[in-house]
Amino acid sequence: MKISRIYIVANTSKDGSLRTLAVLKAWAQLKRIETVLIDQDHPHFSEEEGALIVALGGDGTVLRAASIFADSAIPILGANLGSLGFLTQVKAPSLTSALEGVLHDSFTIEERMRLAYSSPAGSGTVLNDVVITGTSALRFCELELLWSDGVVASYPGDGLILSTATGATAYNLSAGGPVIVPPAACILASPLAVHKLGILPVIFPAEEVLLVRPHTNVSIYADGDMAFDLPPDSKLTIKRADTPTRLIRMASAPSFFHVLQEKLNWGDQSKREGKSGE
């Protein structure tokens, strides 16, 4: 891939970020590649061929970059300043080596489905999830979820998580939802502390349009950020977004289940036994 411009979204509060930025800019200058540091949420950018986004920080920084460039087809390369991530592909010291690999086409692009949410109060898209929860300190709310064939279920409890496969390893997983291997395309609905027996997570086809109808005051969170509140009997529509997020995957990057094991002890009985015996 010929790289003509690199947009940089960086978490400059992390150790090593400024040093990595300096190395990246020096490498780009040698290659005669323009670099643009993105320091606002609505930057002016062009969709020219050869553009690339580098997200420098962690999975949260990749989410921020994906949000800033939500309507763009420019691919994102995530570089981690800490431990392994589900969205980052390389560690910061290996960033310029990875970019050399991009120049020599040693990579693939994964298209990750985004969710679009809309209501009279606001709209947007997310890469991970939309969370609907109560506005009170107790978080309790009552929701109803509908799809094309009618009512799915009512949810009296702490709310509902609607996520993509990418978001399945985020809040959904801690709420007891399933692991879904990206780049699978689907919509996952996982209840939060529901006050009913027999209510389980449901996986819908990617092209399904879901409707959430709250019967109490609720707050809407988009990829962890507060979006807006909704009153009782309002409507929130969830569907597949028109534009996916395009992530660069390096040939040398660890596999999904390797990251799952390293971060969350997936399938590692020895680690679980070691922790329980401490």
Protein backbone atom coordinates (compact mmCIF):
# COMPACT_ATOMS: atom_id res chain seq x y z
CA MET A 1 0.00 0.00 0.00
CA LYS A 2 1.33 3.40 -0.90
CA ILE A 3 1.04 5.72 2.12
CA SER A 4 0.79 9.43 1.37
CA ARG A 5 -0.64 10.72 4.66
CA ILE A 6 -0.93 9.40 8.22
CA TYR A 7 -3.58 10.75 10.57
CA ILE A 8 -2.47 10.19 14.16
CA VAL A 9 -4.89 9.79 17.06
CA ALA A 10 -2.79 9.49 20.22
CA ASN A 11 -3.36 9.12 23.93
CA THR A 12 -0.57 11.47 25.00
CA SER A 13 -1.20 10.79 28.69
CA LYS A 14 0.30 7.30 28.36
CA ASP A 15 3.96 6.64 29.11
CA GLY A 16 6.04 6.48 25.97
CA SER A 17 3.49 8.22 23.74
CA LEU A 18 5.55 11.33 23.02
CA ARG A 19 8.66 9.27 22.31
CA THR A 20 6.71 7.00 19.93
CA LEU A 21 5.18 10.04 18.22
CA ALA A 22 8.66 11.48 17.62
CA VAL A 23 9.89 8.19 16.15
CA LEU A 24 6.81 7.92 13.94
CA LYS A 25 7.17 11.47 12.62
CA ALA A 26 10.89 10.99 11.93
CA TRP A 27 10.17 7.76 10.02
CA ALA A 28 7.41 9.45 8.02
CA GLN A 29 9.68 12.38 7.16
CA LEU A 30 12.30 9.99 5.78
CA LYS A 31 9.58 8.31 3.68
CA ARG A 32 8.17 11.70 2.60
CA ILE A 33 4.83 10.88 4.16
CA GLU A 34 2.74 13.70 5.62
CA THR A 35 1.63 13.30 9.26
CA VAL A 36 -1.41 15.01 10.78
CA LEU A 37 -1.99 14.89 14.54
CA ILE A 38 -5.72 14.78 15.29
CA ASP A 39 -6.50 16.76 18.45
CA GLN A 40 -10.23 17.35 18.00
CA ASP A 41 -13.33 15.17 17.55
CA HIS A 42 -14.47 16.69 14.24
CA PRO A 43 -11.34 17.33 12.17
CA HIS A 44 -11.19 18.27 8.53
CA PHE A 45 -9.69 15.42 6.52
CA SER A 46 -9.68 14.17 2.95
CA GLU A 47 -10.47 10.64 1.75
CA GLU A 48 -7.54 10.55 -0.65
CA GLU A 49 -5.93 7.30 -1.71
CA GLY A 50 -2.96 6.38 0.45
CA ALA A 51 -4.37 7.80 3.69
CA LEU A 52 -3.91 5.80 6.88
CA ILE A 53 -4.90 6.30 10.53
CA VAL A 54 -2.55 5.33 13.36
CA ALA A 55 -4.23 5.01 16.76
CA LEU A 56 -1.52 5.22 19.40
CA GLY A 57 -2.49 4.18 22.92
CA GLY A 58 -4.74 1.18 23.49
CA ASP A 59 -8.12 -0.24 22.56
CA GLY A 60 -9.80 2.92 23.89
CA THR A 61 -7.72 5.04 21.51
CA VAL A 62 -8.73 2.80 18.59
CA LEU A 63 -12.38 3.28 19.60
CA ARG A 64 -11.85 7.06 19.63
CA ALA A 65 -10.19 6.98 16.21
CA ALA A 66 -13.01 4.81 14.86
CA SER A 67 -15.53 7.31 16.21
CA ILE A 68 -13.75 10.35 14.76
CA PHE A 69 -13.51 8.67 11.34
CA ALA A 70 -16.82 6.78 11.61
CA ASP A 71 -18.00 7.78 8.14
CA SER A 72 -14.64 7.19 6.49
CA ALA A 73 -13.17 4.19 4.68
CA ILE A 74 -9.62 5.08 5.77
CA PRO A 75 -8.06 2.02 7.48
CA ILE A 76 -6.87 2.15 11.10
CA LEU A 77 -3.67 0.63 12.50
CA GLY A 78 -3.75 0.35 16.29
CA ALA A 79 -0.46 0.55 18.19
CA ASN A 80 -0.46 -0.38 21.86
CA LEU A 81 1.55 1.46 24.48
CA GLY A 82 0.72 -1.16 27.09
CA SER A 83 -0.39 -4.79 27.10
CA LEU A 84 -2.07 -6.72 24.31
CA GLY A 85 -5.38 -5.40 23.03
CA PHE A 86 -8.27 -6.76 21.01
CA LEU A 87 -8.16 -3.83 18.59
CA THR A 88 -4.49 -2.89 18.57
CA GLN A 89 -2.26 -4.87 16.25
CA VAL A 90 1.29 -3.96 17.21
CA LYS A 91 3.23 -2.75 20.22
CA ALA A 92 4.55 0.79 20.01
CA PRO A 93 8.26 -0.15 19.60
CA SER A 94 7.30 -2.19 16.50
CA LEU A 95 5.15 0.54 14.92
CA THR A 96 7.56 1.65 12.21
CA SER A 97 8.33 -1.99 11.34
CA ALA A 98 4.60 -2.58 10.96
CA LEU A 99 4.30 0.47 8.71
CA GLU A 100 7.10 -0.92 6.57
CA GLY A 101 4.97 -4.06 6.30
CA VAL A 102 2.00 -1.95 5.21
CA LEU A 103 4.17 -0.36 2.52
CA HIS A 104 5.01 -3.87 1.28
CA ASP A 105 1.38 -5.11 1.47
CA SER A 106 2.07 -7.53 4.34
CA PHE A 107 -1.34 -6.99 5.89
CA THR A 108 -5.06 -7.56 5.44
CA ILE A 109 -8.02 -5.32 6.21
CA GLU A 110 -10.85 -6.50 8.46
CA GLU A 111 -14.18 -4.75 8.07
CA ARG A 112 -15.82 -4.45 11.47
CA MET A 113 -19.55 -3.83 11.55
CA ARG A 114 -20.75 -0.71 13.38
CA LEU A 115 -24.16 -0.15 14.95
CA ALA A 116 -26.27 2.91 14.18
CA TYR A 117 -28.60 4.18 16.89
CA SER A 118 -31.26 6.84 16.45
CA SER A 119 -34.06 8.51 18.39
CA PRO A 120 -35.63 11.98 18.50
CA ALA A 121 -33.04 12.84 21.19
CA GLY A 122 -29.99 12.01 19.11
CA SER A 123 -28.19 9.56 16.84
CA GLY A 124 -24.78 8.16 16.04
CA THR A 125 -22.79 5.00 15.44
CA VAL A 126 -20.62 2.75 17.61
CA LEU A 127 -18.00 0.07 17.09
CA ASN A 128 -18.54 -1.73 20.41
CA ASP A 129 -21.94 -1.21 21.98
CA VAL A 130 -24.97 0.84 22.89
CA VAL A 131 -26.01 0.50 26.53
CA ILE A 132 -29.46 1.43 27.82
CA THR A 133 -29.71 1.76 31.60
CA GLY A 134 -31.73 3.56 34.26
CA THR A 135 -31.10 7.19 35.15
CA SER A 136 -31.37 6.70 38.92
CA ALA A 137 -28.50 5.75 41.21
CA LEU A 138 -29.94 2.23 41.40
CA ARG A 139 -29.85 1.93 37.57
CA PHE A 140 -33.18 0.08 37.57
CA CYS A 141 -35.30 0.49 34.44
CA GLU A 142 -37.94 -1.33 32.42
CA LEU A 143 -37.40 -1.90 28.70
CA GLU A 144 -39.07 -3.72 25.86
CA LEU A 145 -37.10 -5.03 22.87
CA LEU A 146 -38.82 -5.57 19.53
CA TRP A 147 -37.68 -6.93 16.17
CA SER A 148 -39.32 -7.50 12.78
CA ASP A 149 -41.38 -10.42 14.11
CA GLY A 150 -42.72 -8.62 17.18
CA VAL A 151 -41.72 -8.48 20.85
CA VAL A 152 -38.49 -10.21 21.89
CA ALA A 153 -38.84 -9.72 25.64
CA SER A 154 -39.36 -7.19 28.40
CA TYR A 155 -36.37 -6.41 30.61
CA PRO A 156 -36.96 -5.21 34.18
CA GLY A 157 -33.47 -4.76 35.60
CA ASP A 158 -30.34 -2.68 35.09
CA GLY A 159 -30.79 -2.38 31.33
CA LEU A 160 -29.67 -3.86 28.05
CA ILE A 161 -26.42 -4.03 26.04
CA LEU A 162 -26.68 -4.04 22.25
CA SER A 163 -23.28 -4.87 20.81
CA THR A 164 -21.37 -5.93 17.74
CA ALA A 165 -19.02 -8.92 17.56
CA THR A 166 -16.20 -6.45 18.26
CA GLY A 167 -17.98 -5.33 21.42
CA ALA A 168 -18.68 -8.89 22.58
CA THR A 169 -15.42 -8.93 24.59
CA ALA A 170 -16.24 -5.61 26.28
CA TYR A 171 -19.18 -4.88 28.64
CA ASN A 172 -21.17 -7.75 27.14
CA LEU A 173 -18.67 -10.33 28.38
CA SER A 174 -18.68 -9.04 31.94
CA ALA A 175 -22.49 -9.21 31.86
CA GLY A 176 -22.41 -12.92 31.00
CA GLY A 177 -22.80 -12.57 27.25
CA PRO A 178 -21.12 -14.86 24.71
CA VAL A 179 -17.79 -14.47 22.94
CA ILE A 180 -18.31 -13.76 19.23
CA VAL A 181 -15.30 -13.93 16.95
CA PRO A 182 -14.82 -10.83 14.77
CA PRO A 183 -15.30 -9.94 12.00
CA ALA A 184 -18.62 -11.81 12.31
CA ALA A 185 -21.56 -9.51 11.58
CA CYS A 186 -24.48 -9.63 14.00
CA ILE A 187 -26.33 -7.68 16.70
CA LEU A 188 -26.07 -9.09 20.21
CA ALA A 189 -28.62 -8.19 22.89
CA SER A 190 -27.47 -8.98 26.45
CA PRO A 191 -29.57 -8.15 29.54
CA LEU A 192 -28.06 -6.42 32.56
CA ALA A 193 -29.06 -7.95 35.91
CA VAL A 194 -32.54 -8.74 34.63
CA HIS A 195 -35.16 -9.49 37.31
CA LYS A 196 -36.54 -12.49 35.44
CA LEU A 197 -35.63 -16.15 35.12
CA GLY A 198 -34.88 -17.55 31.68
CA ILE A 199 -33.91 -14.30 29.92
CA LEU A 200 -30.68 -14.93 28.02
CA PRO A 201 -28.57 -13.04 25.47
CA VAL A 202 -29.93 -13.16 21.90
CA ILE A 203 -27.92 -12.91 18.66
CA PHE A 204 -29.75 -11.30 15.74
CA PRO A 205 -28.81 -11.25 12.04
CA ALA A 206 -26.80 -8.21 11.04
CA GLU A 207 -29.56 -6.82 8.81
CA GLU A 208 -32.21 -6.90 11.55
CA VAL A 209 -33.63 -3.58 12.76
CA LEU A 210 -34.26 -3.54 16.52
CA LEU A 211 -36.46 -1.20 18.49
CA VAL A 212 -36.03 -0.47 22.19
CA ARG A 213 -39.02 1.01 24.00
CA PRO A 214 -38.30 2.19 27.56
CA HIS A 215 -41.12 2.33 30.11
CA THR A 216 -39.02 4.34 32.57
CA ASN A 217 -36.43 7.12 32.23
CA VAL A 218 -33.22 5.74 30.72
CA SER A 219 -29.74 6.90 29.73
CA ILE A 220 -28.08 5.91 26.47
CA TYR A 221 -24.33 5.24 26.41
CA ALA A 222 -22.46 4.93 23.11
CA ASP A 223 -19.12 3.09 23.33
CA GLY A 224 -18.93 4.04 27.00
CA ASP A 225 -19.76 7.73 26.54
CA MET A 226 -23.01 9.26 27.75
CA ALA A 227 -25.09 10.15 24.67
CA PHE A 228 -28.50 11.30 25.92
CA ASP A 229 -31.49 10.47 28.12
CA LEU A 230 -34.83 9.14 26.92
CA PRO A 231 -38.22 9.50 28.64
CA PRO A 232 -40.75 6.68 29.07
CA ASP A 233 -42.55 5.47 25.91
CA SER A 234 -39.92 6.91 23.56
CA LYS A 235 -38.17 4.82 20.90
CA LEU A 236 -34.57 3.92 20.14
CA THR A 237 -33.77 2.22 16.84
CA ILE A 238 -30.67 0.03 16.46
CA LYS A 239 -29.44 -1.27 13.11
CA ARG A 240 -26.33 -1.96 11.09
CA ALA A 241 -24.46 1.23 10.19
CA ASP A 242 -23.83 2.00 6.54
CA THR A 243 -20.05 2.34 6.92
CA PRO A 244 -17.91 -0.27 8.73
CA THR A 245 -14.67 0.42 10.56
CA ARG A 246 -11.70 -0.92 8.58
CA LEU A 247 -8.90 -2.27 10.79
CA ILE A 248 -5.47 -3.19 9.50
CA ARG A 249 -4.45 -6.68 10.58
CA MET A 250 -0.74 -7.48 10.39
CA ALA A 251 0.35 -10.97 9.35
CA SER A 252 2.48 -11.24 12.52
CA ALA A 253 -0.26 -10.11 14.93
CA PRO A 254 -1.39 -12.53 17.68
CA SER A 255 -4.63 -14.41 17.07
CA PHE A 256 -7.96 -13.47 18.64
CA PHE A 257 -7.91 -16.41 21.04
CA HIS A 258 -4.28 -15.76 22.00
CA VAL A 259 -5.28 -12.25 23.08
CA LEU A 260 -8.36 -13.67 24.84
CA GLN A 261 -6.12 -16.06 26.77
CA GLU A 262 -3.52 -13.42 27.66
CA LYS A 263 -6.03 -10.78 28.77
CA LEU A 264 -8.83 -12.90 30.23
CA ASN A 265 -7.25 -16.33 30.92
CA TRP A 266 -9.41 -17.97 28.24
CA GLY A 267 -9.21 -21.76 28.50
CA ASP A 268 -6.19 -21.63 30.83
CA GLN A 269 -6.95 -23.94 33.73
CA SER A 270 -3.48 -23.52 35.27
CA LYS A 271 -3.89 -19.75 35.62
CA ARG A 272 -7.32 -20.16 37.18
CA GLU A 273 -5.98 -22.75 39.65
CA GLY A 274 -2.99 -20.57 40.45
CA LYS A 275 -5.18 -17.59 41.28
CA SER A 276 -7.58 -19.63 43.38
CA GLY A 277 -4.70 -21.08 45.39
CA GLU A 278 -3.08 -17.76 46.25
